[in-house]
C-alpha atoms as a PDB file:
ATOM      1  CA  MET A   1     -14.814  -0.506 -14.191  1.00  0.00           C
ATOM      2  CA  ASN A   2     -15.707  -2.636 -11.205  1.00  0.00           C
ATOM      3  CA  SER A   3     -13.093  -2.117  -8.517  1.00  0.00           C
ATOM      4  CA  ILE A   4     -12.827  -3.696  -4.790  1.00  0.00           C
ATOM      5  CA  GLY A   5     -10.523  -2.520  -2.052  1.00  0.00           C
ATOM      6  CA  ILE A   6      -9.076  -5.303  -0.076  1.00  0.00           C
ATOM      7  CA  ILE A   7      -7.507  -4.651   3.364  1.00  0.00           C
ATOM      8  CA  PRO A   8      -5.123  -7.595   4.524  1.00  0.00           C
ATOM      9  CA  ALA A   9      -5.122  -7.681   8.215  1.00  0.00           C
ATOM     10  CA  ARG A  10      -2.704 -10.273  10.164  1.00  0.00           C
ATOM     11  CA  TYR A  11      -3.064 -10.431  13.940  1.00  0.00           C
ATOM     12  CA  ALA A  12       0.661 -11.678  14.212  1.00  0.00           C
ATOM     13  CA  SER A  13       3.270  -8.988  13.988  1.00  0.00           C
ATOM     14  CA  THR A  14       6.905  -9.161  15.419  1.00  0.00           C
ATOM     15  CA  ARG A  15       6.940  -5.783  16.150  1.00  0.00           C
ATOM     16  CA  PHE A  16       3.165  -4.906  16.980  1.00  0.00           C
ATOM     17  CA  PRO A  17       1.136  -7.861  18.052  1.00  0.00           C
ATOM     18  CA  ALA A  18      -2.397  -7.485  17.411  1.00  0.00           C
ATOM     19  CA  LYS A  19      -1.768  -4.171  15.753  1.00  0.00           C
ATOM     20  CA  PRO A  20      -5.328  -4.495  13.800  1.00  0.00           C
ATOM     21  CA  LEU A  21      -7.173  -4.008  16.906  1.00  0.00           C
ATOM     22  CA  ALA A  22      -4.961  -1.442  18.427  1.00  0.00           C
ATOM     23  CA  ASP A  23      -7.292   1.247  19.729  1.00  0.00           C
ATOM     24  CA  ILE A  24      -6.986   4.854  18.067  1.00  0.00           C
ATOM     25  CA  LYS A  25      -9.559   7.185  19.698  1.00  0.00           C
ATOM     26  CA  GLY A  26     -12.071   4.619  20.573  1.00  0.00           C
ATOM     27  CA  LYS A  27     -11.983   2.785  17.380  1.00  0.00           C
ATOM     28  CA  PRO A  28      -9.835  -0.343  16.293  1.00  0.00           C
ATOM     29  CA  MET A  29      -7.218   0.457  13.592  1.00  0.00           C
ATOM     30  CA  ILE A  30      -8.672  -1.905  11.200  1.00  0.00           C
ATOM     31  CA  GLN A  31     -12.199   0.165  11.545  1.00  0.00           C
ATOM     32  CA  ARG A  32     -10.493   3.530  10.659  1.00  0.00           C
ATOM     33  CA  VAL A  33      -9.043   2.052   7.715  1.00  0.00           C
ATOM     34  CA  TYR A  34     -12.145   0.564   6.604  1.00  0.00           C
ATOM     35  CA  GLU A  35     -14.226   3.681   7.085  1.00  0.00           C
ATOM     36  CA  GLN A  36     -11.713   5.768   5.267  1.00  0.00           C
ATOM     37  CA  ALA A  37     -11.657   3.267   2.429  1.00  0.00           C
ATOM     38  CA  LYS A  38     -15.471   3.564   2.357  1.00  0.00           C
ATOM     39  CA  LYS A  39     -15.250   7.149   1.515  1.00  0.00           C
ATOM     40  CA  ALA A  40     -13.585   6.780  -1.866  1.00  0.00           C
ATOM     41  CA  SER A  41     -15.932   7.423  -4.577  1.00  0.00           C
ATOM     42  CA  ALA A  42     -14.177   5.359  -7.009  1.00  0.00           C
ATOM     43  CA  LEU A  43     -14.345   2.325  -5.087  1.00  0.00           C
ATOM     44  CA  ASP A  44     -17.155  -0.196  -5.373  1.00  0.00           C
ATOM     45  CA  HIS A  45     -16.531  -2.441  -2.724  1.00  0.00           C
ATOM     46  CA  VAL A  46     -14.737  -2.775   0.480  1.00  0.00           C
ATOM     47  CA  VAL A  47     -13.720  -6.029   2.537  1.00  0.00           C
ATOM     48  CA  VAL A  48     -11.058  -6.783   5.193  1.00  0.00           C
ATOM     49  CA  ALA A  49      -9.326 -10.286   4.746  1.00  0.00           C
ATOM     50  CA  THR A  50      -7.875 -11.729   8.070  1.00  0.00           C
ATOM     51  CA  ASP A  51      -6.482 -14.859   9.143  1.00  0.00           C
ATOM     52  CA  ASP A  52      -7.623 -14.632  12.779  1.00  0.00           C
ATOM     53  CA  GLN A  53     -11.022 -15.075  14.281  1.00  0.00           C
ATOM     54  CA  ARG A  54     -10.673 -11.875  16.810  1.00  0.00           C
ATOM     55  CA  ILE A  55     -10.291  -9.603  13.771  1.00  0.00           C
ATOM     56  CA  PHE A  56     -12.917 -11.276  12.001  1.00  0.00           C
ATOM     57  CA  GLU A  57     -15.316 -10.632  14.872  1.00  0.00           C
ATOM     58  CA  ALA A  58     -13.985  -7.232  15.570  1.00  0.00           C
ATOM     59  CA  VAL A  59     -15.209  -6.284  11.730  1.00  0.00           C
ATOM     60  CA  LEU A  60     -18.381  -7.844  11.858  1.00  0.00           C
ATOM     61  CA  ALA A  61     -18.978  -5.869  15.177  1.00  0.00           C
ATOM     62  CA  PHE A  62     -18.711  -2.549  13.459  1.00  0.00           C
ATOM     63  CA  GLY A  63     -20.754  -3.571  10.399  1.00  0.00           C
ATOM     64  CA  GLY A  64     -17.823  -4.213   8.040  1.00  0.00           C
ATOM     65  CA  GLU A  65     -17.250  -6.848   5.351  1.00  0.00           C
ATOM     66  CA  VAL A  66     -14.610  -9.429   6.224  1.00  0.00           C
ATOM     67  CA  ILE A  67     -13.535 -12.523   4.899  1.00  0.00           C
ATOM     68  CA  MET A  68     -11.372 -15.407   6.396  1.00  0.00           C
ATOM     69  CA  THR A  69      -8.388 -16.300   4.475  1.00  0.00           C
ATOM     70  CA  SER A  70      -5.385 -18.715   5.243  1.00  0.00           C
ATOM     71  CA  GLN A  71      -2.527 -18.128   7.643  1.00  0.00           C
ATOM     72  CA  GLU A  72       0.065 -19.636   5.094  1.00  0.00           C
ATOM     73  CA  HIS A  73       0.273 -16.277   2.871  1.00  0.00           C
ATOM     74  CA  GLN A  74       3.803 -14.523   2.754  1.00  0.00           C
ATOM     75  CA  SER A  75       2.621 -11.276   1.617  1.00  0.00           C
ATOM     76  CA  GLY A  76      -0.571  -9.132   1.642  1.00  0.00           C
ATOM     77  CA  THR A  77      -0.781  -9.535  -2.246  1.00  0.00           C
ATOM     78  CA  ASP A  78      -1.213 -13.258  -1.778  1.00  0.00           C
ATOM     79  CA  ARG A  79      -3.857 -12.547   0.606  1.00  0.00           C
ATOM     80  CA  CYS A  80      -5.756 -10.048  -1.510  1.00  0.00           C
ATOM     81  CA  LEU A  81      -5.797 -12.718  -4.217  1.00  0.00           C
ATOM     82  CA  GLU A  82      -7.494 -15.470  -2.261  1.00  0.00           C
ATOM     83  CA  ALA A  83     -10.053 -12.797  -0.739  1.00  0.00           C
ATOM     84  CA  ALA A  84     -10.905 -11.668  -4.264  1.00  0.00           C
ATOM     85  CA  GLN A  85     -11.228 -15.407  -5.530  1.00  0.00           C
ATOM     86  CA  LYS A  86     -13.462 -16.120  -2.477  1.00  0.00           C
ATOM     87  CA  MET A  87     -15.734 -12.898  -3.275  1.00  0.00           C
ATOM     88  CA  GLU A  88     -18.834 -14.203  -5.548  1.00  0.00           C
ATOM     89  CA  MET A  89     -18.446 -11.008  -7.574  1.00  0.00           C
ATOM     90  CA  ASP A  90     -16.483  -9.911 -10.646  1.00  0.00           C
ATOM     91  CA  PHE A  91     -13.750  -7.202 -10.255  1.00  0.00           C
ATOM     92  CA  ASP A  92     -11.562  -5.478 -13.135  1.00  0.00           C
ATOM     93  CA  VAL A  93      -9.245  -3.959 -10.454  1.00  0.00           C
ATOM     94  CA  VAL A  94      -8.258  -5.132  -6.954  1.00  0.00           C
ATOM     95  CA  LEU A  95      -6.877  -2.649  -4.689  1.00  0.00           C
ATOM     96  CA  ASN A  96      -4.472  -3.589  -1.883  1.00  0.00           C
ATOM     97  CA  ILE A  97      -5.106  -1.059   0.864  1.00  0.00           C
ATOM     98  CA  GLN A  98      -2.609  -1.172   3.797  1.00  0.00           C
ATOM     99  CA  GLY A  99      -4.176  -2.094   7.137  1.00  0.00           C
ATOM    100  CA  ASP A 100      -1.771   0.155   8.926  1.00  0.00           C
ATOM    101  CA  GLU A 101      -2.862   3.311   7.649  1.00  0.00           C
ATOM    102  CA  PRO A 102      -5.755   4.365   9.792  1.00  0.00           C
ATOM    103  CA  PHE A 103      -6.039   7.910   8.175  1.00  0.00           C
ATOM    104  CA  ILE A 104      -5.704   6.933   4.463  1.00  0.00           C
ATOM    105  CA  SER A 105      -7.034   9.527   2.104  1.00  0.00           C
ATOM    106  CA  PRO A 106      -9.937   8.470   0.071  1.00  0.00           C
ATOM    107  CA  ASP A 107      -8.548  10.961  -2.609  1.00  0.00           C
ATOM    108  CA  GLN A 108      -5.531   8.844  -2.752  1.00  0.00           C
ATOM    109  CA  ILE A 109      -7.644   5.733  -3.305  1.00  0.00           C
ATOM    110  CA  ASP A 110      -9.505   7.699  -6.065  1.00  0.00           C
ATOM    111  CA  LEU A 111      -6.360   8.622  -7.597  1.00  0.00           C
ATOM    112  CA  ILE A 112      -4.592   5.379  -7.779  1.00  0.00           C
ATOM    113  CA  LEU A 113      -7.757   3.929  -9.226  1.00  0.00           C
ATOM    114  CA  SER A 114      -7.767   6.608 -12.054  1.00  0.00           C
ATOM    115  CA  CYS A 115      -4.818   5.155 -13.424  1.00  0.00           C
ATOM    116  CA  PHE A 116      -6.739   2.329 -15.001  1.00  0.00           C
ATOM    117  CA  THR A 117      -8.368   4.776 -17.021  1.00  0.00           C
ATOM    118  CA  GLN A 118      -5.482   3.857 -19.416  1.00  0.00           C
ATOM    119  CA  GLU A 119      -5.863   0.432 -21.079  1.00  0.00           C
ATOM    120  CA  ASN A 120      -2.004  -0.378 -20.752  1.00  0.00           C
ATOM    121  CA  THR A 121      -1.957  -0.064 -16.829  1.00  0.00           C
ATOM    122  CA  GLU A 122      -1.425  -3.474 -15.441  1.00  0.00           C
ATOM    123  CA  ILE A 123      -0.411  -2.365 -12.035  1.00  0.00           C
ATOM    124  CA  ALA A 124      -0.690   1.157 -10.233  1.00  0.00           C
ATOM    125  CA  THR A 125       1.074   2.797  -6.905  1.00  0.00           C
ATOM    126  CA  LEU A 126       1.372   6.202  -5.523  1.00  0.00           C
ATOM    127  CA  VAL A 127       4.710   8.223  -5.017  1.00  0.00           C
ATOM    128  CA  LYS A 128       5.151  11.635  -3.381  1.00  0.00           C
ATOM    129  CA  LEU A 129       7.680  14.153  -3.752  1.00  0.00           C
ATOM    130  CA  ILE A 130      10.323  14.349  -1.055  1.00  0.00           C
ATOM    131  CA  GLU A 131      10.805  17.649   0.678  1.00  0.00           C
ATOM    132  CA  ASP A 132      13.201  16.845   3.489  1.00  0.00           C
ATOM    133  CA  ASP A 133      16.785  15.430   3.853  1.00  0.00           C
ATOM    134  CA  LYS A 134      15.541  13.191   6.675  1.00  0.00           C
ATOM    135  CA  THR A 135      13.194  11.176   4.167  1.00  0.00           C
ATOM    136  CA  LEU A 136      15.449  11.191   1.483  1.00  0.00           C
ATOM    137  CA  TRP A 137      18.328   9.274   3.235  1.00  0.00           C
ATOM    138  CA  ASP A 138      15.877   7.150   5.231  1.00  0.00           C
ATOM    139  CA  PRO A 139      16.117   3.377   4.104  1.00  0.00           C
ATOM    140  CA  ASN A 140      12.827   2.751   5.488  1.00  0.00           C
ATOM    141  CA  LYS A 141      11.286   5.074   2.823  1.00  0.00           C
ATOM    142  CA  PRO A 142      11.736   3.454  -0.530  1.00  0.00           C
ATOM    143  CA  LYS A 143      12.551   5.659  -3.306  1.00  0.00           C
ATOM    144  CA  VAL A 144      11.276   5.610  -7.101  1.00  0.00           C
ATOM    145  CA  VAL A 145      12.386   6.737 -10.242  1.00  0.00           C
ATOM    146  CA  MET A 146      10.002   7.001 -13.172  1.00  0.00           C
ATOM    147  CA  ASP A 147       9.919   7.247 -17.193  1.00  0.00           C
ATOM    148  CA  ASP A 148       8.435   9.836 -19.080  1.00  0.00           C
ATOM    149  CA  ASP A 149       5.125   8.022 -19.170  1.00  0.00           C
ATOM    150  CA  ASP A 150       5.024   7.990 -15.235  1.00  0.00           C
ATOM    151  CA  PHE A 151       5.887   4.243 -15.139  1.00  0.00           C
ATOM    152  CA  ALA A 152       8.349   3.205 -12.475  1.00  0.00           C
ATOM    153  CA  ILE A 153      11.761   2.249 -13.626  1.00  0.00           C
ATOM    154  CA  LEU A 154      13.122   1.123 -10.159  1.00  0.00           C
ATOM    155  CA  PHE A 155      12.508   1.268  -6.529  1.00  0.00           C
ATOM    156  CA  SER A 156      15.179   1.348  -3.828  1.00  0.00           C
ATOM    157  CA  ARG A 157      15.902   1.860  -0.232  1.00  0.00           C
ATOM    158  CA  GLN A 158      18.662   3.867  -1.132  1.00  0.00           C
ATOM    159  CA  CYS A 159      18.632   7.327  -2.683  1.00  0.00           C
ATOM    160  CA  ILE A 160      17.970   7.084  -6.527  1.00  0.00           C
ATOM    161  CA  PRO A 161      19.388   8.535  -8.629  1.00  0.00           C
ATOM    162  CA  TYR A 162      22.760   9.374  -7.680  1.00  0.00           C
ATOM    163  CA  LEU A 163      23.590  13.101  -8.557  1.00  0.00           C
ATOM    164  CA  ARG A 164      27.287  12.741  -9.381  1.00  0.00           C
ATOM    165  CA  GLY A 165      29.334  15.936  -8.901  1.00  0.00           C
ATOM    166  CA  LYS A 166      26.811  17.297  -6.309  1.00  0.00           C
ATOM    167  CA  GLU A 167      27.253  17.653  -2.346  1.00  0.00           C
ATOM    168  CA  LYS A 168      24.669  15.494  -0.857  1.00  0.00           C
ATOM    169  CA  ASP A 169      23.367  18.424   1.337  1.00  0.00           C
ATOM    170  CA  LYS A 170      22.412  20.145  -1.939  1.00  0.00           C
ATOM    171  CA  TRP A 171      20.757  17.331  -3.845  1.00  0.00           C
ATOM    172  CA  ILE A 172      17.345  17.788  -2.539  1.00  0.00           C
ATOM    173  CA  GLU A 173      17.622  21.347  -3.931  1.00  0.00           C
ATOM    174  CA  THR A 174      18.529  20.460  -7.390  1.00  0.00           C
ATOM    175  CA  PHE A 175      16.354  17.132  -8.382  1.00  0.00           C
ATOM    176  CA  ASN A 176      12.835  15.909  -7.559  1.00  0.00           C
ATOM    177  CA  PHE A 177      13.034  12.605  -5.824  1.00  0.00           C
ATOM    178  CA  TYR A 178      10.031  10.759  -5.188  1.00  0.00           C
ATOM    179  CA  LYS A 179       9.185   8.327  -2.072  1.00  0.00           C
ATOM    180  CA  HIS A 180       7.105   5.497  -2.671  1.00  0.00           C
ATOM    181  CA  ILE A 181       3.579   5.253  -1.186  1.00  0.00           C
ATOM    182  CA  GLY A 182       2.860   1.618  -0.341  1.00  0.00           C
ATOM    183  CA  MET A 183      -0.436   1.136  -1.704  1.00  0.00           C
ATOM    184  CA  TYR A 184      -1.161  -1.058  -4.990  1.00  0.00           C
ATOM    185  CA  ALA A 185      -3.825  -1.726  -7.349  1.00  0.00           C
ATOM    186  CA  TYR A 186      -4.009  -4.610 -10.035  1.00  0.00           C
ATOM    187  CA  ARG A 187      -6.139  -5.763 -12.898  1.00  0.00           C
ATOM    188  CA  PHE A 188      -7.521  -8.815 -11.431  1.00  0.00           C
ATOM    189  CA  GLU A 189      -5.641 -11.139 -14.231  1.00  0.00           C
ATOM    190  CA  THR A 190      -2.518  -9.422 -13.467  1.00  0.00           C
ATOM    191  CA  LEU A 191      -2.949 -10.147  -9.808  1.00  0.00           C
ATOM    192  CA  LYS A 192      -3.251 -13.669 -10.584  1.00  0.00           C
ATOM    193  CA  GLU A 193       0.046 -13.694 -12.657  1.00  0.00           C
ATOM    194  CA  LEU A 194       1.759 -11.946  -9.766  1.00  0.00           C
ATOM    195  CA  CYS A 195       0.975 -14.353  -7.296  1.00  0.00           C
ATOM    196  CA  SER A 196       2.748 -17.184  -9.380  1.00  0.00           C
ATOM    197  CA  LEU A 197       6.110 -15.451  -9.726  1.00  0.00           C
ATOM    198  CA  LYS A 198       8.986 -16.620  -7.563  1.00  0.00           C
ATOM    199  CA  ALA A 199      11.077 -14.060  -5.293  1.00  0.00           C
ATOM    200  CA  SER A 200      13.565 -12.274  -7.413  1.00  0.00           C
ATOM    201  CA  ARG A 201      17.408 -11.361  -6.913  1.00  0.00           C
ATOM    202  CA  LEU A 202      16.419  -7.598  -6.577  1.00  0.00           C
ATOM    203  CA  GLU A 203      13.527  -7.976  -4.203  1.00  0.00           C
ATOM    204  CA  LYS A 204      15.575 -10.404  -1.922  1.00  0.00           C
ATOM    205  CA  ALA A 205      18.390  -7.694  -1.987  1.00  0.00           C
ATOM    206  CA  GLU A 206      16.024  -4.719  -1.011  1.00  0.00           C
ATOM    207  CA  ASN A 207      13.422  -6.710   0.439  1.00  0.00           C
ATOM    208  CA  LEU A 208      10.886  -4.937  -1.654  1.00  0.00           C
ATOM    209  CA  GLU A 209       8.067  -7.072  -3.312  1.00  0.00           C
ATOM    210  CA  GLN A 210       7.517  -4.778  -6.218  1.00  0.00           C
ATOM    211  CA  LEU A 211      11.002  -5.399  -7.495  1.00  0.00           C
ATOM    212  CA  ARG A 212       9.819  -9.073  -8.020  1.00  0.00           C
ATOM    213  CA  TRP A 213       7.017  -7.626 -10.557  1.00  0.00           C
ATOM    214  CA  ILE A 214       9.497  -5.390 -12.507  1.00  0.00           C
ATOM    215  CA  GLU A 215      12.046  -8.332 -12.815  1.00  0.00           C
ATOM    216  CA  GLY A 216       9.037 -10.538 -14.107  1.00  0.00           C
ATOM    217  CA  GLY A 217       8.556  -7.981 -16.899  1.00  0.00           C
ATOM    218  CA  TYR A 218       5.452  -6.204 -15.608  1.00  0.00           C
ATOM    219  CA  ARG A 219       4.952  -2.245 -15.580  1.00  0.00           C
ATOM    220  CA  ILE A 220       3.762  -0.286 -12.675  1.00  0.00           C
ATOM    221  CA  LYS A 221       2.077   3.057 -13.397  1.00  0.00           C
ATOM    222  CA  THR A 222       2.458   5.723 -10.757  1.00  0.00           C
ATOM    223  CA  ALA A 223       0.501   8.782  -9.791  1.00  0.00           C
ATOM    224  CA  ILE A 224       1.807  11.972  -7.797  1.00  0.00           C
ATOM    225  CA  THR A 225      -0.126  12.381  -4.582  1.00  0.00           C
ATOM    226  CA  GLU A 226       0.429  15.354  -2.238  1.00  0.00           C
ATOM    227  CA  ASP A 227      -1.189  13.657   0.537  1.00  0.00           C
ATOM    228  CA  GLU A 228       1.045  12.203   3.300  1.00  0.00           C
ATOM    229  CA  ALA A 229       0.598   8.512   4.359  1.00  0.00           C
ATOM    230  CA  PHE A 230       0.869   7.704   8.104  1.00  0.00           C
ATOM    231  CA  SER A 231       1.697   4.056   8.583  1.00  0.00           C
ATOM    232  CA  ILE A 232       2.130   2.601  11.856  1.00  0.00           C
ATOM    233  CA  ASP A 233       4.650  -0.364  12.421  1.00  0.00           C
ATOM    234  CA  THR A 234       5.189  -0.267  16.037  1.00  0.00           C
ATOM    235  CA  PRO A 235       3.555   0.841  19.256  1.00  0.00           C
ATOM    236  CA  GLU A 236       5.811   3.926  19.230  1.00  0.00           C
ATOM    237  CA  ASP A 237       4.524   4.743  15.811  1.00  0.00           C
ATOM    238  CA  LEU A 238       0.860   4.782  17.416  1.00  0.00           C
ATOM    239  CA  GLN A 239       1.854   6.915  20.193  1.00  0.00           C
ATOM    240  CA  GLU A 240       3.473   9.575  17.562  1.00  0.00           C
ATOM    241  CA  LEU A 241       0.107   9.390  15.606  1.00  0.00           C
ATOM    242  CA  LEU A 242      -2.266  10.019  18.693  1.00  0.00           C
ATOM    243  CA  LYS A 243      -0.233  13.208  19.280  1.00  0.00           C
ATOM    244  CA  LEU A 244      -1.494  14.618  15.970  1.00  0.00           C
ATOM    245  CA  GLU A 245      -4.905  16.141  15.776  1.00  0.00           C
ATOM    246  CA  PHE A 246      -7.034  14.228  13.514  1.00  0.00           C
ATOM    247  CA  LYS A 247     -10.985  14.393  13.167  1.00  0.00           C
ATOM    248  CA  THR A 248     -12.774  11.511  14.858  1.00  0.00           C
END
């Protein structure tokens, strides 16, 4: 199985302009993401997909591979497809790596790609057990419920499922709730099909792109990770991250 990891990186951002170039202990964020992705043993190739010349040049400066894509894309999924189609290589699986997770675990990348050893896996993503009430009730931390074969049934910003007859301060003690880790991998042919789907009702209601795929009849395989994901949406998030101790 040949795989490629694509890191979508836009310059424009409402909450954090120029985020991919933000300095993190002497390296731009995009370099941190790229170098972590390169450590994954199951990934054959890594490339940054950007729409901005400044990011393009920054990636070249640290020796990374980068490809220019359109500024018109509405999502990282669409940008991944354009980048994959422009590569002069054949890939079975395309991994969409979030460009705002500078300390992404290579083990998580290997884990999500392992889902494709099953022939019926079209799309894969990661989930993590919720261990605190703050995360359980945070609408910015999407939740997911899975079937017995670990395929996602539903994603929501609300806490799902609802535990009828249980006091809410006891929920986390009586049921295993899972939060979604926003990394996706797709079979290349499936990625092409997903990018042709129109926005769906559930997607618009929750502002979660993966609901479009479920409504479109696609199945999303999940794997449980024990590693945390540290995403950066605002300058304040970056300052909090810098307070933590990471190996440089």
